[in-house]
Amino acid sequence: MYTLELAQLTDLTICYEIIKEGRNFQKEQGFEQWTETYPNRDTVLNDIQSKKGYVIKANNEIAGYMCIDFSGEPAYADIKGKWRSDTQYAVIHRMAFRKKYRGTGLADIVFKMVEDLCIKNNIRNIRVDTDFPNTRMQHILKKNGFINCGVIVFQGGKKLAFDKLL
């Protein structure tokens, strides 16, 4: 059984460990989207303190971490391209899974849980960005109904911008 829950301060260490595992996984794939300075431990702490950090649990074990921000993303205001809707949206940032859960289809399950959370909060629009070399995430996004809307600049670099209308 899988659940999506707000992360607690007691989850900070494991959440940041998952981010570090994700950073290493990116390097193994030959690119660096996440650096040593972003996302860092303080980024995750801020997510948790502002009630934007979420853990994905598999049978009560933390299997992943992500930020779901219902207040938007300022960097998304300037897009080379066009978002498909101007309605309020949720942003997904910093999605990462523990190594043993990669390749299990957990990302698909998580996207469905995020959609359900958005609908429960009367949000019908989800946005996300990823680096150009992160073809694995691009594949997962497209498989889950996200559409490439253009390019944004986030954390100093150009990113592919995707949205999904619910």
N, C-alpha and C. Protein backbone atom coordinates (compact mmCIF):
# COMPACT_ATOMS: atom_id res chain seq x y z
N MET A 1 0.83 -1.18 0.00
CA MET A 1 0.00 0.00 0.00
C MET A 1 0.88 1.25 0.00
N TYR A 2 0.49 2.21 -0.83
CA TYR A 2 1.25 3.44 -0.97
C TYR A 2 0.45 4.62 -0.44
N THR A 3 1.15 5.56 0.20
CA THR A 3 0.51 6.78 0.68
C THR A 3 1.40 7.97 0.34
N LEU A 4 0.75 9.12 0.24
CA LEU A 4 1.42 10.40 0.04
C LEU A 4 1.08 11.24 1.25
N GLU A 5 2.09 11.61 2.04
CA GLU A 5 1.86 12.30 3.31
C GLU A 5 2.79 13.50 3.43
N LEU A 6 2.32 14.51 4.15
CA LEU A 6 3.20 15.62 4.47
C LEU A 6 4.40 15.10 5.25
N ALA A 7 5.58 15.53 4.86
CA ALA A 7 6.79 15.14 5.59
C ALA A 7 6.83 15.87 6.93
N GLN A 8 7.37 15.21 7.91
CA GLN A 8 7.53 15.76 9.25
C GLN A 8 9.00 16.12 9.48
N LEU A 9 9.26 16.98 10.43
CA LEU A 9 10.65 17.33 10.73
C LEU A 9 11.49 16.10 11.06
N THR A 10 10.87 15.10 11.66
CA THR A 10 11.60 13.87 11.98
C THR A 10 12.00 13.10 10.72
N ASP A 11 11.41 13.45 9.57
CA ASP A 11 11.72 12.80 8.30
C ASP A 11 12.86 13.50 7.55
N LEU A 12 13.34 14.63 8.06
CA LEU A 12 14.29 15.46 7.33
C LEU A 12 15.52 14.67 6.88
N THR A 13 16.13 13.93 7.76
CA THR A 13 17.36 13.22 7.42
C THR A 13 17.13 12.24 6.28
N ILE A 14 16.09 11.42 6.37
CA ILE A 14 15.82 10.43 5.32
C ILE A 14 15.43 11.13 4.02
N CYS A 15 14.67 12.22 4.11
CA CYS A 15 14.28 12.95 2.89
C CYS A 15 15.50 13.50 2.18
N TYR A 16 16.44 14.05 2.94
CA TYR A 16 17.63 14.59 2.31
C TYR A 16 18.52 13.46 1.78
N GLU A 17 18.56 12.34 2.45
CA GLU A 17 19.30 11.18 1.93
C GLU A 17 18.74 10.76 0.57
N ILE A 18 17.42 10.79 0.43
CA ILE A 18 16.78 10.42 -0.84
C ILE A 18 17.17 11.42 -1.92
N ILE A 19 17.21 12.71 -1.59
CA ILE A 19 17.65 13.73 -2.54
C ILE A 19 19.10 13.44 -2.98
N LYS A 20 19.96 13.11 -2.02
CA LYS A 20 21.36 12.81 -2.36
C LYS A 20 21.45 11.57 -3.26
N GLU A 21 20.61 10.55 -2.97
CA GLU A 21 20.58 9.38 -3.84
C GLU A 21 20.15 9.77 -5.25
N GLY A 22 19.15 10.66 -5.34
CA GLY A 22 18.70 11.15 -6.64
C GLY A 22 19.79 11.90 -7.39
N ARG A 23 20.54 12.72 -6.67
CA ARG A 23 21.66 13.46 -7.27
C ARG A 23 22.68 12.47 -7.84
N ASN A 24 23.01 11.45 -7.06
CA ASN A 24 23.97 10.44 -7.53
C ASN A 24 23.44 9.67 -8.73
N PHE A 25 22.14 9.38 -8.73
CA PHE A 25 21.52 8.67 -9.85
C PHE A 25 21.60 9.51 -11.12
N GLN A 26 21.41 10.81 -11.00
CA GLN A 26 21.55 11.68 -12.16
C GLN A 26 22.97 11.61 -12.71
N LYS A 27 23.94 11.65 -11.83
CA LYS A 27 25.34 11.58 -12.26
C LYS A 27 25.62 10.25 -12.97
N GLU A 28 25.04 9.15 -12.45
CA GLU A 28 25.21 7.84 -13.08
C GLU A 28 24.65 7.84 -14.50
N GLN A 29 23.60 8.65 -14.72
CA GLN A 29 22.99 8.74 -16.05
C GLN A 29 23.72 9.73 -16.96
N GLY A 30 24.74 10.40 -16.42
CA GLY A 30 25.58 11.26 -17.23
C GLY A 30 25.20 12.73 -17.26
N PHE A 31 24.41 13.18 -16.29
CA PHE A 31 24.09 14.61 -16.23
C PHE A 31 23.97 15.05 -14.79
N GLU A 32 23.98 16.38 -14.61
CA GLU A 32 23.86 16.93 -13.26
C GLU A 32 22.78 18.00 -13.26
N GLN A 33 21.58 17.60 -12.88
CA GLN A 33 20.49 18.56 -12.73
C GLN A 33 20.53 19.16 -11.33
N TRP A 34 20.78 18.31 -10.36
CA TRP A 34 20.87 18.76 -8.97
C TRP A 34 22.34 18.86 -8.59
N THR A 35 22.72 20.01 -8.04
CA THR A 35 24.10 20.25 -7.66
C THR A 35 24.25 20.06 -6.15
N GLU A 36 25.46 20.28 -5.67
CA GLU A 36 25.70 20.18 -4.22
C GLU A 36 25.00 21.32 -3.47
N THR A 37 24.73 22.43 -4.18
CA THR A 37 24.11 23.57 -3.52
C THR A 37 22.60 23.62 -3.67
N TYR A 38 22.05 22.89 -4.66
CA TYR A 38 20.59 22.83 -4.83
C TYR A 38 20.20 21.50 -5.44
N PRO A 39 19.23 20.83 -4.87
CA PRO A 39 18.63 21.13 -3.56
C PRO A 39 19.54 20.67 -2.43
N ASN A 40 19.61 21.47 -1.40
CA ASN A 40 20.43 21.11 -0.24
C ASN A 40 19.53 20.80 0.96
N ARG A 41 20.16 20.52 2.07
CA ARG A 41 19.39 20.14 3.28
C ARG A 41 18.43 21.25 3.68
N ASP A 42 18.87 22.52 3.57
CA ASP A 42 18.00 23.64 3.94
C ASP A 42 16.79 23.75 3.00
N THR A 43 16.98 23.38 1.73
CA THR A 43 15.86 23.37 0.78
C THR A 43 14.77 22.41 1.27
N VAL A 44 15.20 21.22 1.65
CA VAL A 44 14.26 20.21 2.14
C VAL A 44 13.64 20.65 3.46
N LEU A 45 14.45 21.20 4.35
CA LEU A 45 13.93 21.71 5.63
C LEU A 45 12.86 22.77 5.38
N ASN A 46 13.13 23.70 4.47
CA ASN A 46 12.16 24.73 4.15
C ASN A 46 10.88 24.13 3.57
N ASP A 47 11.01 23.12 2.69
CA ASP A 47 9.83 22.43 2.15
C ASP A 47 8.97 21.89 3.29
N ILE A 48 9.62 21.21 4.22
CA ILE A 48 8.90 20.56 5.32
C ILE A 48 8.25 21.61 6.22
N GLN A 49 9.01 22.63 6.58
CA GLN A 49 8.47 23.67 7.47
C GLN A 49 7.32 24.44 6.84
N SER A 50 7.34 24.59 5.52
CA SER A 50 6.27 25.34 4.85
C SER A 50 5.15 24.43 4.34
N LYS A 51 5.17 23.16 4.79
CA LYS A 51 4.12 22.19 4.46
C LYS A 51 4.01 21.94 2.96
N LYS A 52 5.18 21.89 2.30
CA LYS A 52 5.25 21.59 0.87
C LYS A 52 6.01 20.30 0.60
N GLY A 53 6.69 19.78 1.63
CA GLY A 53 7.47 18.55 1.50
C GLY A 53 6.58 17.35 1.76
N TYR A 54 6.65 16.38 0.88
CA TYR A 54 5.83 15.17 0.99
C TYR A 54 6.70 13.94 0.92
N VAL A 55 6.31 12.93 1.68
CA VAL A 55 6.95 11.62 1.57
C VAL A 55 5.99 10.65 0.91
N ILE A 56 6.57 9.76 0.15
CA ILE A 56 5.82 8.67 -0.45
C ILE A 56 6.18 7.44 0.37
N LYS A 57 5.17 6.79 0.92
CA LYS A 57 5.43 5.61 1.73
C LYS A 57 4.93 4.36 1.02
N ALA A 58 5.73 3.32 1.11
CA ALA A 58 5.37 2.00 0.60
C ALA A 58 5.36 1.08 1.81
N ASN A 59 4.17 0.62 2.17
CA ASN A 59 4.02 -0.23 3.35
C ASN A 59 4.67 0.42 4.58
N ASN A 60 4.37 1.69 4.78
CA ASN A 60 4.84 2.49 5.92
C ASN A 60 6.33 2.82 5.90
N GLU A 61 7.05 2.47 4.85
CA GLU A 61 8.46 2.82 4.72
C GLU A 61 8.57 4.00 3.75
N ILE A 62 9.36 5.01 4.10
CA ILE A 62 9.54 6.14 3.19
C ILE A 62 10.32 5.68 1.96
N ALA A 63 9.65 5.78 0.81
CA ALA A 63 10.22 5.32 -0.45
C ALA A 63 10.66 6.48 -1.34
N GLY A 64 10.13 7.68 -1.06
CA GLY A 64 10.45 8.82 -1.91
C GLY A 64 10.14 10.13 -1.23
N TYR A 65 10.58 11.19 -1.87
CA TYR A 65 10.37 12.54 -1.37
C TYR A 65 10.07 13.46 -2.54
N MET A 66 9.24 14.47 -2.30
CA MET A 66 8.97 15.48 -3.31
C MET A 66 8.40 16.73 -2.67
N CYS A 67 8.47 17.82 -3.41
CA CYS A 67 7.84 19.07 -3.01
C CYS A 67 6.61 19.26 -3.90
N ILE A 68 5.48 19.54 -3.27
CA ILE A 68 4.27 19.92 -4.00
C ILE A 68 3.89 21.30 -3.49
N ASP A 69 3.97 22.26 -4.38
CA ASP A 69 3.75 23.65 -3.99
C ASP A 69 2.48 24.17 -4.66
N PHE A 70 1.49 24.49 -3.86
CA PHE A 70 0.22 24.99 -4.37
C PHE A 70 0.22 26.51 -4.54
N SER A 71 1.34 27.16 -4.22
CA SER A 71 1.40 28.62 -4.33
C SER A 71 2.05 29.08 -5.63
N GLY A 72 2.40 28.14 -6.50
CA GLY A 72 2.97 28.50 -7.79
C GLY A 72 4.49 28.58 -7.77
N GLU A 73 5.05 28.91 -8.91
CA GLU A 73 6.50 29.03 -9.07
C GLU A 73 6.78 30.30 -9.87
N PRO A 74 7.40 31.31 -9.24
CA PRO A 74 7.67 32.57 -9.94
C PRO A 74 8.41 32.39 -11.27
N ALA A 75 9.33 31.45 -11.34
CA ALA A 75 10.10 31.23 -12.58
C ALA A 75 9.20 30.83 -13.75
N TYR A 76 8.01 30.30 -13.45
CA TYR A 76 7.12 29.84 -14.51
C TYR A 76 6.36 30.97 -15.19
N ALA A 77 6.46 32.19 -14.66
CA ALA A 77 5.76 33.33 -15.27
C ALA A 77 6.37 33.68 -16.62
N ASP A 78 7.65 33.38 -16.80
CA ASP A 78 8.34 33.70 -18.05
C ASP A 78 8.67 32.40 -18.77
N ILE A 79 7.83 32.04 -19.71
CA ILE A 79 8.03 30.79 -20.45
C ILE A 79 8.22 31.10 -21.92
N LYS A 80 9.20 30.46 -22.50
CA LYS A 80 9.35 30.52 -23.96
C LYS A 80 8.50 29.37 -24.48
N GLY A 81 7.31 29.72 -24.89
CA GLY A 81 6.27 28.76 -25.23
C GLY A 81 4.98 29.26 -24.61
N LYS A 82 4.10 28.34 -24.23
CA LYS A 82 2.83 28.76 -23.63
C LYS A 82 2.26 27.64 -22.77
N TRP A 83 1.93 28.00 -21.53
CA TRP A 83 1.20 27.07 -20.68
C TRP A 83 -0.20 26.88 -21.28
N ARG A 84 -0.79 25.74 -21.06
CA ARG A 84 -2.10 25.47 -21.65
C ARG A 84 -3.25 26.04 -20.85
N SER A 85 -2.99 26.50 -19.64
CA SER A 85 -4.04 27.10 -18.82
C SER A 85 -3.41 28.14 -17.90
N ASP A 86 -4.17 29.18 -17.62
CA ASP A 86 -3.71 30.20 -16.69
C ASP A 86 -4.34 30.03 -15.31
N THR A 87 -4.98 28.90 -15.07
CA THR A 87 -5.62 28.66 -13.77
C THR A 87 -4.57 28.36 -12.71
N GLN A 88 -5.01 28.41 -11.46
CA GLN A 88 -4.12 28.06 -10.34
C GLN A 88 -3.57 26.66 -10.57
N TYR A 89 -2.33 26.45 -10.16
CA TYR A 89 -1.69 25.16 -10.42
C TYR A 89 -0.85 24.73 -9.22
N ALA A 90 -0.54 23.45 -9.22
CA ALA A 90 0.42 22.88 -8.27
C ALA A 90 1.72 22.66 -9.03
N VAL A 91 2.82 22.86 -8.34
CA VAL A 91 4.15 22.61 -8.92
C VAL A 91 4.76 21.40 -8.22
N ILE A 92 5.34 20.53 -9.00
CA ILE A 92 6.09 19.41 -8.43
C ILE A 92 7.57 19.72 -8.62
N HIS A 93 8.29 19.70 -7.52
CA HIS A 93 9.74 19.88 -7.54
C HIS A 93 10.38 18.73 -6.75
N ARG A 94 11.63 18.46 -7.06
CA ARG A 94 12.48 17.59 -6.24
C ARG A 94 11.91 16.19 -6.00
N MET A 95 11.38 15.57 -7.02
CA MET A 95 10.87 14.20 -6.88
C MET A 95 12.03 13.22 -6.96
N ALA A 96 12.16 12.39 -5.93
CA ALA A 96 13.23 11.39 -5.91
C ALA A 96 12.76 10.16 -5.13
N PHE A 97 13.30 9.02 -5.53
CA PHE A 97 12.94 7.75 -4.89
C PHE A 97 14.19 7.04 -4.40
N ARG A 98 14.01 6.27 -3.35
CA ARG A 98 15.11 5.44 -2.88
C ARG A 98 15.46 4.45 -3.98
N LYS A 99 16.71 4.08 -4.02
CA LYS A 99 17.23 3.23 -5.09
C LYS A 99 16.41 1.95 -5.28
N LYS A 100 16.01 1.32 -4.21
CA LYS A 100 15.32 0.03 -4.33
C LYS A 100 13.93 0.15 -4.95
N TYR A 101 13.40 1.39 -5.05
CA TYR A 101 12.07 1.59 -5.63
C TYR A 101 12.12 2.06 -7.08
N ARG A 102 13.31 2.36 -7.58
CA ARG A 102 13.42 2.81 -8.97
C ARG A 102 13.07 1.65 -9.91
N GLY A 103 12.37 1.99 -10.98
CA GLY A 103 12.03 0.98 -11.98
C GLY A 103 10.85 0.10 -11.58
N THR A 104 10.15 0.47 -10.50
CA THR A 104 9.03 -0.35 -10.03
C THR A 104 7.66 0.19 -10.45
N GLY A 105 7.66 1.33 -11.15
CA GLY A 105 6.40 1.95 -11.52
C GLY A 105 5.87 2.89 -10.44
N LEU A 106 6.68 3.14 -9.43
CA LEU A 106 6.24 3.99 -8.33
C LEU A 106 5.93 5.41 -8.80
N ALA A 107 6.69 5.91 -9.76
CA ALA A 107 6.44 7.29 -10.25
C ALA A 107 5.02 7.41 -10.79
N ASP A 108 4.55 6.42 -11.51
CA ASP A 108 3.18 6.46 -12.05
C ASP A 108 2.16 6.50 -10.91
N ILE A 109 2.39 5.71 -9.89
CA ILE A 109 1.50 5.68 -8.72
C ILE A 109 1.51 7.04 -8.03
N VAL A 110 2.69 7.62 -7.89
CA VAL A 110 2.82 8.91 -7.21
C VAL A 110 2.12 10.01 -8.00
N PHE A 111 2.28 10.03 -9.31
CA PHE A 111 1.59 11.05 -10.09
C PHE A 111 0.08 10.95 -9.92
N LYS A 112 -0.45 9.75 -9.86
CA LYS A 112 -1.88 9.57 -9.64
C LYS A 112 -2.28 10.11 -8.26
N MET A 113 -1.46 9.85 -7.24
CA MET A 113 -1.75 10.36 -5.90
C MET A 113 -1.69 11.88 -5.87
N VAL A 114 -0.74 12.46 -6.60
CA VAL A 114 -0.64 13.93 -6.66
C VAL A 114 -1.88 14.50 -7.35
N GLU A 115 -2.32 13.86 -8.42
CA GLU A 115 -3.53 14.30 -9.10
C GLU A 115 -4.72 14.28 -8.15
N ASP A 116 -4.86 13.20 -7.40
CA ASP A 116 -5.96 13.08 -6.43
C ASP A 116 -5.88 14.19 -5.38
N LEU A 117 -4.67 14.48 -4.90
CA LEU A 117 -4.48 15.55 -3.91
C LEU A 117 -4.87 16.90 -4.51
N CYS A 118 -4.47 17.13 -5.76
CA CYS A 118 -4.82 18.39 -6.42
C CYS A 118 -6.34 18.53 -6.55
N ILE A 119 -6.98 17.50 -7.02
CA ILE A 119 -8.44 17.55 -7.19
C ILE A 119 -9.11 17.80 -5.85
N LYS A 120 -8.63 17.15 -4.81
CA LYS A 120 -9.18 17.36 -3.46
C LYS A 120 -9.05 18.82 -3.04
N ASN A 121 -8.00 19.50 -3.53
CA ASN A 121 -7.76 20.90 -3.22
C ASN A 121 -8.26 21.85 -4.31
N ASN A 122 -9.13 21.33 -5.19
CA ASN A 122 -9.72 22.12 -6.28
C ASN A 122 -8.69 22.74 -7.22
N ILE A 123 -7.60 22.03 -7.43
CA ILE A 123 -6.57 22.44 -8.38
C ILE A 123 -6.65 21.49 -9.57
N ARG A 124 -6.75 22.04 -10.75
CA ARG A 124 -6.92 21.21 -11.96
C ARG A 124 -5.76 21.36 -12.94
N ASN A 125 -4.61 21.76 -12.44
CA ASN A 125 -3.48 22.05 -13.29
C ASN A 125 -2.20 21.73 -12.50
N ILE A 126 -1.31 20.94 -13.11
CA ILE A 126 -0.02 20.61 -12.49
C ILE A 126 1.08 21.01 -13.46
N ARG A 127 2.12 21.63 -12.92
CA ARG A 127 3.27 22.01 -13.72
C ARG A 127 4.54 21.42 -13.12
N VAL A 128 5.49 21.14 -14.00
CA VAL A 128 6.76 20.57 -13.57
C VAL A 128 7.83 20.92 -14.60
N ASP A 129 9.07 20.98 -14.18
CA ASP A 129 10.15 21.22 -15.12
C ASP A 129 11.24 20.17 -14.91
N THR A 130 12.04 19.98 -15.93
CA THR A 130 13.17 19.06 -15.83
C THR A 130 14.24 19.48 -16.82
N ASP A 131 15.46 19.02 -16.58
CA ASP A 131 16.58 19.35 -17.46
C ASP A 131 16.45 18.62 -18.80
N PHE A 132 17.05 19.21 -19.82
CA PHE A 132 17.04 18.61 -21.15
C PHE A 132 17.64 17.19 -21.17
N PRO A 133 18.76 16.94 -20.46
CA PRO A 133 19.33 15.59 -20.50
C PRO A 133 18.55 14.55 -19.67
N ASN A 134 17.59 14.99 -18.88
CA ASN A 134 16.87 14.06 -18.01
C ASN A 134 15.75 13.37 -18.81
N THR A 135 16.17 12.54 -19.74
CA THR A 135 15.22 11.88 -20.63
C THR A 135 14.35 10.87 -19.88
N ARG A 136 14.86 10.32 -18.81
CA ARG A 136 14.06 9.38 -18.01
C ARG A 136 12.83 10.09 -17.44
N MET A 137 13.03 11.27 -16.84
CA MET A 137 11.90 12.02 -16.29
C MET A 137 10.97 12.49 -17.40
N GLN A 138 11.53 12.92 -18.51
CA GLN A 138 10.69 13.34 -19.63
C GLN A 138 9.78 12.20 -20.08
N HIS A 139 10.32 10.99 -20.16
CA HIS A 139 9.52 9.82 -20.53
C HIS A 139 8.40 9.58 -19.52
N ILE A 140 8.74 9.65 -18.23
CA ILE A 140 7.74 9.42 -17.17
C ILE A 140 6.64 10.47 -17.25
N LEU A 141 7.03 11.73 -17.46
CA LEU A 141 6.03 12.80 -17.56
C LEU A 141 5.09 12.56 -18.74
N LYS A 142 5.65 12.29 -19.91
CA LYS A 142 4.81 12.06 -21.09
C LYS A 142 3.91 10.85 -20.90
N LYS A 143 4.45 9.80 -20.31
CA LYS A 143 3.66 8.59 -20.06
C LYS A 143 2.48 8.88 -19.13
N ASN A 144 2.64 9.88 -18.27
CA ASN A 144 1.59 10.22 -17.31
C ASN A 144 0.73 11.40 -17.77
N GLY A 145 0.77 11.70 -19.06
CA GLY A 145 -0.14 12.69 -19.62
C GLY A 145 0.32 14.13 -19.56
N PHE A 146 1.58 14.38 -19.22
CA PHE A 146 2.09 15.74 -19.21
C PHE A 146 2.50 16.13 -20.63
N ILE A 147 2.30 17.40 -20.95
CA ILE A 147 2.61 17.93 -22.28
C ILE A 147 3.72 18.97 -22.15
N ASN A 148 4.69 18.89 -23.06
CA ASN A 148 5.78 19.88 -23.08
C ASN A 148 5.21 21.20 -23.60
N CYS A 149 5.32 22.24 -22.78
CA CYS A 149 4.76 23.55 -23.12
C CYS A 149 5.81 24.57 -23.53
N GLY A 150 7.08 24.26 -23.34
CA GLY A 150 8.12 25.21 -23.69
C GLY A 150 9.32 25.11 -22.76
N VAL A 151 10.00 26.24 -22.59
CA VAL A 151 11.23 26.29 -21.80
C VAL A 151 11.13 27.43 -20.79
N ILE A 152 11.55 27.15 -19.58
CA ILE A 152 11.62 28.18 -18.53
C ILE A 152 13.07 28.21 -18.02
N VAL A 153 13.38 29.22 -17.24
CA VAL A 153 14.68 29.30 -16.58
C VAL A 153 14.43 29.13 -15.09
N PHE A 154 15.06 28.12 -14.51
CA PHE A 154 14.91 27.82 -13.09
C PHE A 154 16.28 27.51 -12.52
N GLN A 155 16.60 28.11 -11.38
CA GLN A 155 17.90 27.91 -10.74
C GLN A 155 19.05 28.18 -11.72
N GLY A 156 18.86 29.20 -12.56
CA GLY A 156 19.93 29.65 -13.44
C GLY A 156 20.10 28.87 -14.73
N GLY A 157 19.26 27.86 -14.97
CA GLY A 157 19.41 27.07 -16.19
C GLY A 157 18.09 26.88 -16.91
N LYS A 158 18.19 26.65 -18.22
CA LYS A 158 16.99 26.39 -19.01
C LYS A 158 16.48 24.99 -18.71
N LYS A 159 15.14 24.90 -18.54
CA LYS A 159 14.49 23.62 -18.25
C LYS A 159 13.31 23.43 -19.18
N LEU A 160 13.01 22.20 -19.49
CA LEU A 160 11.79 21.88 -20.21
C LEU A 160 10.61 22.01 -19.24
N ALA A 161 9.56 22.66 -19.70
CA ALA A 161 8.38 22.91 -18.85
C ALA A 161 7.21 22.05 -19.35
N PHE A 162 6.59 21.35 -18.43
CA PHE A 162 5.47 20.48 -18.74
C PHE A 162 4.26 20.86 -17.89
N ASP A 163 3.06 20.60 -18.42
CA ASP A 163 1.87 20.72 -17.58
C ASP A 163 0.91 19.58 -17.88
N LYS A 164 -0.01 19.42 -16.96
CA LYS A 164 -1.09 18.44 -17.11
C LYS A 164 -2.35 19.09 -16.58
N LEU A 165 -3.39 19.07 -17.40
CA LEU A 165 -4.68 19.60 -16.99
C LEU A 165 -5.53 18.44 -16.50
N LEU A 166 -6.13 18.60 -15.34
CA LEU A 166 -6.92 17.52 -14.73
C LEU A 166 -8.40 17.73 -14.99
